[in-house]
Amino acid sequence: MLFIREDKVEQAFVTMMNKLIFGRKFILKPLLENLTAMSQSENTGELQELENRIRKISEQKEMLIKLMAKKYLEPALFNMELRKLDKDTETYRQQIETLTLATNEEFYKIQEVRELLKFTNKAKMLTAFNEDLFERYVEKVIVLSRKELDFQLKCGITLRERM
């Protein structure tokens, strides 16, 4: 492992933020538009489809119960079908939960991009390192070599900067 001085990382951060301030129209605005469009269209349709499937399963359960009450089904067959429907319902509920978490994560990223865009619209070029800015926007720094760093931002993008 090689040593990298902290002031070099800070200088790379200032350079990266200045590039973002200058190129916000080419980087952040399209990113925000794409994230917003993708999150609204994809997950909403899938969630509705899963909820419809759960509703159909509920209707099937009701029909099974009615058939069992009229003694048209054997208890073993009834229990087997009921377990299968319960298993399918649980699978769909887990998929809904996964999609909801993904939607929340996308919403978080959209909020972070908006915050960064808001900052870059108001900010002037940075002349010195600002620790508050660093903590606000950077999730982690990955050292690729003594000459290159990757800044993973909280909004989900990774920007490479040379030192």
N, C-alpha and C. Protein backbone atom coordinates (compact mmCIF):
# COMPACT_ATOMS: atom_id res chain seq x y z
N MET A 1 0.84 -1.18 0.00
CA MET A 1 0.00 0.00 0.00
C MET A 1 0.88 1.23 0.00
N LEU A 2 0.44 2.20 -0.76
CA LEU A 2 1.18 3.44 -0.84
C LEU A 2 0.45 4.55 -0.09
N PHE A 3 1.21 5.49 0.40
CA PHE A 3 0.66 6.60 1.16
C PHE A 3 0.17 7.69 0.21
N ILE A 4 -1.04 8.22 0.49
CA ILE A 4 -1.56 9.35 -0.26
C ILE A 4 -1.87 10.45 0.74
N ARG A 5 -1.35 11.61 0.48
CA ARG A 5 -1.54 12.71 1.40
C ARG A 5 -2.97 13.21 1.37
N GLU A 6 -3.45 13.60 2.52
CA GLU A 6 -4.83 14.06 2.65
C GLU A 6 -5.09 15.32 1.84
N ASP A 7 -4.12 16.19 1.76
CA ASP A 7 -4.32 17.43 1.00
C ASP A 7 -4.50 17.16 -0.49
N LYS A 8 -3.92 16.06 -0.98
CA LYS A 8 -4.12 15.68 -2.39
C LYS A 8 -5.57 15.23 -2.62
N VAL A 9 -6.13 14.47 -1.67
CA VAL A 9 -7.52 14.04 -1.77
C VAL A 9 -8.44 15.25 -1.71
N GLU A 10 -8.14 16.17 -0.80
CA GLU A 10 -8.95 17.39 -0.68
C GLU A 10 -8.89 18.21 -1.96
N GLN A 11 -7.71 18.32 -2.54
CA GLN A 11 -7.55 19.07 -3.78
C GLN A 11 -8.33 18.40 -4.92
N ALA A 12 -8.30 17.08 -4.97
CA ALA A 12 -9.06 16.35 -5.99
C ALA A 12 -10.56 16.57 -5.80
N PHE A 13 -11.01 16.61 -4.55
CA PHE A 13 -12.43 16.88 -4.28
C PHE A 13 -12.83 18.27 -4.76
N VAL A 14 -12.01 19.25 -4.48
CA VAL A 14 -12.31 20.62 -4.92
C VAL A 14 -12.38 20.68 -6.45
N THR A 15 -11.46 20.01 -7.13
CA THR A 15 -11.47 19.98 -8.59
C THR A 15 -12.73 19.30 -9.10
N MET A 16 -13.11 18.18 -8.50
CA MET A 16 -14.31 17.47 -8.92
C MET A 16 -15.55 18.33 -8.71
N MET A 17 -15.66 19.00 -7.58
CA MET A 17 -16.83 19.84 -7.31
C MET A 17 -16.88 21.03 -8.28
N ASN A 18 -15.74 21.58 -8.60
CA ASN A 18 -15.71 22.68 -9.58
C ASN A 18 -16.17 22.19 -10.95
N LYS A 19 -15.78 20.98 -11.31
CA LYS A 19 -16.24 20.42 -12.58
C LYS A 19 -17.76 20.21 -12.57
N LEU A 20 -18.29 19.77 -11.43
CA LEU A 20 -19.74 19.60 -11.30
C LEU A 20 -20.46 20.94 -11.38
N ILE A 21 -19.90 21.94 -10.73
CA ILE A 21 -20.51 23.27 -10.78
C ILE A 21 -20.54 23.78 -12.21
N PHE A 22 -19.43 23.60 -12.91
CA PHE A 22 -19.35 24.07 -14.30
C PHE A 22 -20.24 23.23 -15.23
N GLY A 23 -20.25 21.91 -15.05
CA GLY A 23 -20.95 21.04 -15.99
C GLY A 23 -22.28 20.50 -15.49
N ARG A 24 -22.91 21.21 -14.57
CA ARG A 24 -24.17 20.72 -13.99
C ARG A 24 -25.26 20.50 -15.03
N LYS A 25 -25.28 21.32 -16.07
CA LYS A 25 -26.31 21.18 -17.12
C LYS A 25 -26.11 19.91 -17.93
N PHE A 26 -24.88 19.45 -18.03
CA PHE A 26 -24.56 18.27 -18.84
C PHE A 26 -24.52 16.98 -18.03
N ILE A 27 -24.35 17.10 -16.72
CA ILE A 27 -24.21 15.90 -15.89
C ILE A 27 -25.43 15.72 -14.98
N LEU A 28 -25.71 16.69 -14.14
CA LEU A 28 -26.71 16.52 -13.10
C LEU A 28 -28.15 16.64 -13.61
N LYS A 29 -28.42 17.58 -14.48
CA LYS A 29 -29.79 17.74 -14.98
C LYS A 29 -30.26 16.51 -15.75
N PRO A 30 -29.47 15.99 -16.71
CA PRO A 30 -29.91 14.76 -17.39
C PRO A 30 -30.03 13.56 -16.43
N LEU A 31 -29.13 13.48 -15.45
CA LEU A 31 -29.20 12.40 -14.47
C LEU A 31 -30.51 12.48 -13.69
N LEU A 32 -30.88 13.65 -13.26
CA LEU A 32 -32.12 13.84 -12.51
C LEU A 32 -33.33 13.49 -13.37
N GLU A 33 -33.34 13.92 -14.60
CA GLU A 33 -34.46 13.62 -15.50
C GLU A 33 -34.59 12.11 -15.74
N ASN A 34 -33.46 11.45 -15.97
CA ASN A 34 -33.49 10.00 -16.21
C ASN A 34 -33.94 9.22 -14.97
N LEU A 35 -33.42 9.59 -13.81
CA LEU A 35 -33.82 8.90 -12.58
C LEU A 35 -35.31 9.08 -12.30
N THR A 36 -35.80 10.28 -12.50
CA THR A 36 -37.21 10.56 -12.26
C THR A 36 -38.09 9.77 -13.22
N ALA A 37 -37.74 9.77 -14.48
CA ALA A 37 -38.55 9.05 -15.48
C ALA A 37 -38.54 7.55 -15.23
N MET A 38 -37.38 6.99 -14.92
CA MET A 38 -37.27 5.55 -14.70
C MET A 38 -38.03 5.12 -13.46
N SER A 39 -37.92 5.85 -12.38
CA SER A 39 -38.55 5.42 -11.12
C SER A 39 -40.07 5.48 -11.21
N GLN A 40 -40.60 6.44 -11.93
CA GLN A 40 -42.06 6.57 -12.00
C GLN A 40 -42.68 5.50 -12.88
N SER A 41 -42.08 5.20 -13.99
CA SER A 41 -42.74 4.32 -14.95
C SER A 41 -42.60 2.84 -14.61
N GLU A 42 -41.42 2.38 -14.27
CA GLU A 42 -41.17 0.96 -14.10
C GLU A 42 -41.84 0.36 -12.87
N ASN A 43 -41.58 0.93 -11.73
CA ASN A 43 -42.03 0.31 -10.48
C ASN A 43 -43.53 0.41 -10.28
N THR A 44 -44.16 1.47 -10.74
CA THR A 44 -45.59 1.63 -10.55
C THR A 44 -46.36 0.52 -11.24
N GLY A 45 -46.02 0.22 -12.47
CA GLY A 45 -46.69 -0.85 -13.21
C GLY A 45 -46.49 -2.21 -12.57
N GLU A 46 -45.29 -2.48 -12.12
CA GLU A 46 -45.01 -3.77 -11.49
C GLU A 46 -45.76 -3.92 -10.17
N LEU A 47 -45.79 -2.85 -9.38
CA LEU A 47 -46.51 -2.91 -8.11
C LEU A 47 -48.00 -3.17 -8.33
N GLN A 48 -48.57 -2.51 -9.31
CA GLN A 48 -49.99 -2.72 -9.60
C GLN A 48 -50.25 -4.15 -10.05
N GLU A 49 -49.36 -4.69 -10.88
CA GLU A 49 -49.52 -6.06 -11.35
C GLU A 49 -49.46 -7.05 -10.19
N LEU A 50 -48.52 -6.86 -9.28
CA LEU A 50 -48.40 -7.75 -8.12
C LEU A 50 -49.63 -7.64 -7.21
N GLU A 51 -50.12 -6.44 -7.02
CA GLU A 51 -51.33 -6.26 -6.20
C GLU A 51 -52.54 -6.93 -6.86
N ASN A 52 -52.63 -6.86 -8.18
CA ASN A 52 -53.72 -7.55 -8.89
C ASN A 52 -53.62 -9.06 -8.70
N ARG A 53 -52.42 -9.59 -8.75
CA ARG A 53 -52.23 -11.04 -8.55
C ARG A 53 -52.66 -11.46 -7.15
N ILE A 54 -52.31 -10.64 -6.15
CA ILE A 54 -52.71 -10.94 -4.77
C ILE A 54 -54.24 -10.90 -4.65
N ARG A 55 -54.86 -9.93 -5.30
CA ARG A 55 -56.32 -9.83 -5.28
C ARG A 55 -56.96 -11.08 -5.91
N LYS A 56 -56.40 -11.55 -7.02
CA LYS A 56 -56.93 -12.76 -7.67
C LYS A 56 -56.77 -13.99 -6.77
N ILE A 57 -55.66 -14.06 -6.07
CA ILE A 57 -55.43 -15.17 -5.15
C ILE A 57 -56.47 -15.14 -4.02
N SER A 58 -56.77 -13.94 -3.54
CA SER A 58 -57.80 -13.81 -2.49
C SER A 58 -59.14 -14.32 -3.00
N GLU A 59 -59.47 -13.99 -4.23
CA GLU A 59 -60.72 -14.48 -4.82
C GLU A 59 -60.70 -16.01 -4.94
N GLN A 60 -59.56 -16.56 -5.32
CA GLN A 60 -59.44 -18.01 -5.43
C GLN A 60 -59.60 -18.67 -4.06
N LYS A 61 -59.05 -18.04 -3.02
CA LYS A 61 -59.20 -18.58 -1.66
C LYS A 61 -60.67 -18.60 -1.26
N GLU A 62 -61.36 -17.50 -1.54
CA GLU A 62 -62.78 -17.44 -1.21
C GLU A 62 -63.55 -18.56 -1.92
N MET A 63 -63.23 -18.80 -3.17
CA MET A 63 -63.89 -19.86 -3.93
C MET A 63 -63.59 -21.23 -3.31
N LEU A 64 -62.33 -21.43 -2.92
CA LEU A 64 -61.96 -22.69 -2.27
C LEU A 64 -62.75 -22.91 -0.99
N ILE A 65 -62.88 -21.86 -0.20
CA ILE A 65 -63.60 -21.96 1.07
C ILE A 65 -65.07 -22.29 0.81
N LYS A 66 -65.65 -21.66 -0.19
CA LYS A 66 -67.05 -21.95 -0.54
C LYS A 66 -67.21 -23.40 -0.99
N LEU A 67 -66.27 -23.87 -1.81
CA LEU A 67 -66.33 -25.25 -2.28
C LEU A 67 -66.17 -26.23 -1.12
N MET A 68 -65.30 -25.89 -0.20
CA MET A 68 -65.09 -26.76 0.97
C MET A 68 -66.33 -26.77 1.85
N ALA A 69 -66.95 -25.60 2.01
CA ALA A 69 -68.16 -25.51 2.85
C ALA A 69 -69.29 -26.35 2.26
N LYS A 70 -69.35 -26.43 0.94
CA LYS A 70 -70.39 -27.23 0.28
C LYS A 70 -69.97 -28.69 0.14
N LYS A 71 -68.78 -29.00 0.64
CA LYS A 71 -68.25 -30.37 0.65
C LYS A 71 -68.01 -30.92 -0.76
N TYR A 72 -67.60 -30.02 -1.67
CA TYR A 72 -67.22 -30.46 -3.02
C TYR A 72 -65.75 -30.86 -3.08
N LEU A 73 -64.96 -30.46 -2.08
CA LEU A 73 -63.53 -30.75 -2.05
C LEU A 73 -63.19 -31.65 -0.86
N GLU A 74 -62.19 -32.46 -1.07
CA GLU A 74 -61.63 -33.26 0.02
C GLU A 74 -60.80 -32.33 0.91
N PRO A 75 -60.76 -32.57 2.21
CA PRO A 75 -59.95 -31.72 3.11
C PRO A 75 -58.46 -31.69 2.73
N ALA A 76 -57.91 -32.81 2.29
CA ALA A 76 -56.49 -32.86 1.92
C ALA A 76 -56.23 -31.97 0.70
N LEU A 77 -57.09 -32.06 -0.30
CA LEU A 77 -56.94 -31.24 -1.50
C LEU A 77 -57.13 -29.76 -1.16
N PHE A 78 -58.11 -29.47 -0.29
CA PHE A 78 -58.36 -28.09 0.13
C PHE A 78 -57.11 -27.52 0.80
N ASN A 79 -56.54 -28.27 1.75
CA ASN A 79 -55.34 -27.79 2.47
C ASN A 79 -54.16 -27.61 1.53
N MET A 80 -53.99 -28.54 0.60
CA MET A 80 -52.88 -28.44 -0.35
C MET A 80 -53.02 -27.18 -1.22
N GLU A 81 -54.19 -26.94 -1.75
CA GLU A 81 -54.43 -25.76 -2.60
C GLU A 81 -54.31 -24.47 -1.79
N LEU A 82 -54.81 -24.48 -0.56
CA LEU A 82 -54.73 -23.31 0.30
C LEU A 82 -53.28 -22.96 0.61
N ARG A 83 -52.46 -23.98 0.90
CA ARG A 83 -51.03 -23.75 1.16
C ARG A 83 -50.34 -23.17 -0.06
N LYS A 84 -50.68 -23.69 -1.23
CA LYS A 84 -50.09 -23.19 -2.48
C LYS A 84 -50.45 -21.72 -2.69
N LEU A 85 -51.70 -21.38 -2.48
CA LEU A 85 -52.13 -19.99 -2.64
C LEU A 85 -51.47 -19.08 -1.60
N ASP A 86 -51.34 -19.56 -0.38
CA ASP A 86 -50.66 -18.79 0.66
C ASP A 86 -49.18 -18.56 0.31
N LYS A 87 -48.56 -19.59 -0.24
CA LYS A 87 -47.15 -19.48 -0.64
C LYS A 87 -47.01 -18.45 -1.77
N ASP A 88 -47.90 -18.50 -2.75
CA ASP A 88 -47.87 -17.53 -3.85
C ASP A 88 -48.09 -16.10 -3.34
N THR A 89 -49.03 -15.96 -2.41
CA THR A 89 -49.30 -14.64 -1.82
C THR A 89 -48.07 -14.10 -1.12
N GLU A 90 -47.40 -14.95 -0.35
CA GLU A 90 -46.20 -14.52 0.36
C GLU A 90 -45.09 -14.14 -0.62
N THR A 91 -44.95 -14.88 -1.69
CA THR A 91 -43.94 -14.55 -2.71
C THR A 91 -44.22 -13.18 -3.31
N TYR A 92 -45.47 -12.93 -3.65
CA TYR A 92 -45.83 -11.62 -4.23
C TYR A 92 -45.63 -10.49 -3.22
N ARG A 93 -45.94 -10.74 -1.96
CA ARG A 93 -45.74 -9.71 -0.94
C ARG A 93 -44.24 -9.39 -0.77
N GLN A 94 -43.41 -10.41 -0.85
CA GLN A 94 -41.96 -10.17 -0.76
C GLN A 94 -41.48 -9.37 -1.97
N GLN A 95 -42.01 -9.67 -3.14
CA GLN A 95 -41.64 -8.90 -4.34
C GLN A 95 -42.09 -7.45 -4.20
N ILE A 96 -43.28 -7.23 -3.64
CA ILE A 96 -43.77 -5.86 -3.42
C ILE A 96 -42.85 -5.14 -2.45
N GLU A 97 -42.43 -5.82 -1.39
CA GLU A 97 -41.53 -5.21 -0.41
C GLU A 97 -40.19 -4.85 -1.06
N THR A 98 -39.67 -5.74 -1.88
CA THR A 98 -38.40 -5.48 -2.57
C THR A 98 -38.53 -4.27 -3.50
N LEU A 99 -39.62 -4.23 -4.25
CA LEU A 99 -39.84 -3.08 -5.15
C LEU A 99 -40.02 -1.79 -4.37
N THR A 100 -40.69 -1.86 -3.25
CA THR A 100 -40.89 -0.67 -2.42
C THR A 100 -39.55 -0.16 -1.90
N LEU A 101 -38.69 -1.07 -1.45
CA LEU A 101 -37.36 -0.67 -0.98
C LEU A 101 -36.55 -0.06 -2.11
N ALA A 102 -36.63 -0.66 -3.30
CA ALA A 102 -35.92 -0.12 -4.46
C ALA A 102 -36.45 1.26 -4.81
N THR A 103 -37.76 1.43 -4.73
CA THR A 103 -38.36 2.73 -5.03
C THR A 103 -37.90 3.77 -4.02
N ASN A 104 -37.84 3.38 -2.75
CA ASN A 104 -37.37 4.30 -1.71
C ASN A 104 -35.92 4.68 -1.94
N GLU A 105 -35.11 3.71 -2.35
CA GLU A 105 -33.70 3.99 -2.63
C GLU A 105 -33.57 4.94 -3.83
N GLU A 106 -34.38 4.71 -4.86
CA GLU A 106 -34.36 5.61 -6.02
C GLU A 106 -34.82 7.00 -5.62
N PHE A 107 -35.84 7.07 -4.77
CA PHE A 107 -36.32 8.37 -4.29
C PHE A 107 -35.22 9.09 -3.53
N TYR A 108 -34.48 8.35 -2.69
CA TYR A 108 -33.37 8.93 -1.95
C TYR A 108 -32.32 9.49 -2.91
N LYS A 109 -31.99 8.71 -3.94
CA LYS A 109 -31.00 9.17 -4.92
C LYS A 109 -31.50 10.41 -5.66
N ILE A 110 -32.77 10.42 -6.01
CA ILE A 110 -33.34 11.59 -6.69
C ILE A 110 -33.22 12.81 -5.79
N GLN A 111 -33.53 12.65 -4.50
CA GLN A 111 -33.42 13.77 -3.56
C GLN A 111 -31.97 14.25 -3.45
N GLU A 112 -31.03 13.31 -3.44
CA GLU A 112 -29.61 13.68 -3.35
C GLU A 112 -29.16 14.43 -4.61
N VAL A 113 -29.61 13.98 -5.77
CA VAL A 113 -29.25 14.68 -7.02
C VAL A 113 -29.85 16.08 -7.00
N ARG A 114 -31.09 16.22 -6.53
CA ARG A 114 -31.72 17.54 -6.44
C ARG A 114 -30.93 18.47 -5.52
N GLU A 115 -30.50 17.93 -4.38
CA GLU A 115 -29.71 18.73 -3.43
C GLU A 115 -28.39 19.17 -4.06
N LEU A 116 -27.74 18.24 -4.74
CA LEU A 116 -26.47 18.57 -5.38
C LEU A 116 -26.67 19.59 -6.49
N LEU A 117 -27.72 19.42 -7.27
CA LEU A 117 -28.04 20.37 -8.34
C LEU A 117 -28.36 21.75 -7.76
N LYS A 118 -29.10 21.76 -6.68
CA LYS A 118 -29.43 23.02 -6.01
C LYS A 118 -28.15 23.73 -5.55
N PHE A 119 -27.24 22.95 -4.95
CA PHE A 119 -25.97 23.53 -4.51
C PHE A 119 -25.17 24.07 -5.69
N THR A 120 -25.05 23.27 -6.75
CA THR A 120 -24.22 23.69 -7.88
C THR A 120 -24.82 24.88 -8.63
N ASN A 121 -26.14 25.04 -8.59
CA ASN A 121 -26.76 26.20 -9.22
C ASN A 121 -26.41 27.49 -8.50
N LYS A 122 -26.29 27.42 -7.18
CA LYS A 122 -26.02 28.62 -6.38
C LYS A 122 -24.53 28.87 -6.15
N ALA A 123 -23.74 27.83 -6.21
CA ALA A 123 -22.34 27.92 -5.79
C ALA A 123 -21.46 28.57 -6.84
N LYS A 124 -20.44 29.21 -6.32
CA LYS A 124 -19.36 29.71 -7.18
C LYS A 124 -18.24 28.69 -7.10
N MET A 125 -17.29 28.80 -7.99
CA MET A 125 -16.17 27.86 -8.01
C MET A 125 -15.48 27.85 -6.64
N LEU A 126 -15.17 26.65 -6.19
CA LEU A 126 -14.51 26.51 -4.89
C LEU A 126 -13.03 26.83 -5.00
N THR A 127 -12.52 27.48 -3.98
CA THR A 127 -11.09 27.79 -3.95
C THR A 127 -10.36 27.00 -2.87
N ALA A 128 -11.14 26.45 -1.92
CA ALA A 128 -10.54 25.68 -0.83
C ALA A 128 -11.45 24.52 -0.46
N PHE A 129 -10.87 23.55 0.21
CA PHE A 129 -11.61 22.38 0.65
C PHE A 129 -12.61 22.76 1.72
N ASN A 130 -13.82 22.20 1.62
CA ASN A 130 -14.86 22.43 2.61
C ASN A 130 -15.29 21.07 3.15
N GLU A 131 -14.98 20.80 4.40
CA GLU A 131 -15.27 19.50 4.99
C GLU A 131 -16.77 19.22 5.06
N ASP A 132 -17.57 20.24 5.30
CA ASP A 132 -19.03 20.06 5.35
C ASP A 132 -19.58 19.59 4.01
N LEU A 133 -19.08 20.19 2.94
CA LEU A 133 -19.50 19.77 1.59
C LEU A 133 -19.09 18.33 1.32
N PHE A 134 -17.89 18.01 1.71
CA PHE A 134 -17.38 16.66 1.51
C PHE A 134 -18.29 15.64 2.21
N GLU A 135 -18.58 15.89 3.48
CA GLU A 135 -19.41 14.97 4.24
C GLU A 135 -20.84 14.94 3.73
N ARG A 136 -21.31 16.06 3.19
CA ARG A 136 -22.69 16.14 2.71
C ARG A 136 -22.91 15.33 1.43
N TYR A 137 -21.94 15.35 0.51
CA TYR A 137 -22.17 14.77 -0.81
C TYR A 137 -21.40 13.48 -1.10
N VAL A 138 -20.32 13.22 -0.40
CA VAL A 138 -19.49 12.05 -0.70
C VAL A 138 -19.82 10.90 0.25
N GLU A 139 -20.12 9.76 -0.35
CA GLU A 139 -20.38 8.57 0.46
C GLU A 139 -19.06 7.89 0.82
N LYS A 140 -18.19 7.69 -0.20
CA LYS A 140 -16.88 7.12 0.08
C LYS A 140 -15.92 7.47 -1.04
N VAL A 141 -14.65 7.33 -0.72
CA VAL A 141 -13.57 7.58 -1.67
C VAL A 141 -12.84 6.26 -1.90
N ILE A 142 -12.64 5.93 -3.18
CA ILE A 142 -11.91 4.72 -3.53
C ILE A 142 -10.60 5.15 -4.20
N VAL A 143 -9.51 4.69 -3.65
CA VAL A 143 -8.20 5.02 -4.20
C VAL A 143 -7.85 3.96 -5.24
N LEU A 144 -7.75 4.39 -6.49
CA LEU A 144 -7.42 3.48 -7.58
C LEU A 144 -5.91 3.35 -7.75
N SER A 145 -5.24 4.48 -7.63
CA SER A 145 -3.79 4.50 -7.72
C SER A 145 -3.32 5.78 -7.03
N ARG A 146 -2.04 6.01 -7.07
CA ARG A 146 -1.54 7.24 -6.45
C ARG A 146 -1.95 8.47 -7.24
N LYS A 147 -2.46 8.24 -8.44
CA LYS A 147 -2.83 9.38 -9.29
C LYS A 147 -4.32 9.49 -9.57
N GLU A 148 -5.12 8.48 -9.16
CA GLU A 148 -6.55 8.51 -9.44
C GLU A 148 -7.38 8.10 -8.23
N LEU A 149 -8.50 8.83 -8.06
CA LEU A 149 -9.46 8.54 -7.01
C LEU A 149 -10.85 8.45 -7.62
N ASP A 150 -11.69 7.63 -7.02
CA ASP A 150 -13.11 7.61 -7.36
C ASP A 150 -13.87 8.16 -6.16
N PHE A 151 -14.70 9.15 -6.42
CA PHE A 151 -15.58 9.68 -5.39
C PHE A 151 -16.97 9.10 -5.64
N GLN A 152 -17.45 8.28 -4.72
CA GLN A 152 -18.81 7.77 -4.81
C GLN A 152 -19.70 8.74 -4.06
N LEU A 153 -20.58 9.38 -4.81
CA LEU A 153 -21.46 10.37 -4.21
C LEU A 153 -22.72 9.71 -3.69
N LYS A 154 -23.37 10.34 -2.76
CA LYS A 154 -24.59 9.80 -2.16
C LYS A 154 -25.73 9.71 -3.16
N CYS A 155 -25.64 10.46 -4.24
CA CYS A 155 -26.70 10.43 -5.25
C CYS A 155 -26.57 9.24 -6.19
N GLY A 156 -25.53 8.43 -6.00
CA GLY A 156 -25.42 7.19 -6.76
C GLY A 156 -24.39 7.22 -7.88
N ILE A 157 -23.82 8.35 -8.18
CA ILE A 157 -22.83 8.38 -9.26
C ILE A 157 -21.42 8.31 -8.67
N THR A 158 -20.52 7.81 -9.48
CA THR A 158 -19.11 7.73 -9.10
C THR A 158 -18.32 8.55 -10.10
N LEU A 159 -17.54 9.49 -9.57
CA LEU A 159 -16.74 10.37 -10.43
C LEU A 159 -15.27 10.13 -10.17
N ARG A 160 -14.54 9.95 -11.24
CA ARG A 160 -13.10 9.70 -11.16
C ARG A 160 -12.37 11.03 -11.30
N GLU A 161 -11.37 11.21 -10.46
CA GLU A 161 -10.60 12.45 -10.50
C GLU A 161 -9.12 12.11 -10.40
N ARG A 162 -8.35 12.80 -11.21
CA ARG A 162 -6.89 12.64 -11.16
C ARG A 162 -6.30 13.65 -10.18
N MET A 163 -5.23 13.21 -9.54
CA MET A 163 -4.56 14.11 -8.58
C MET A 163 -3.35 14.75 -9.23
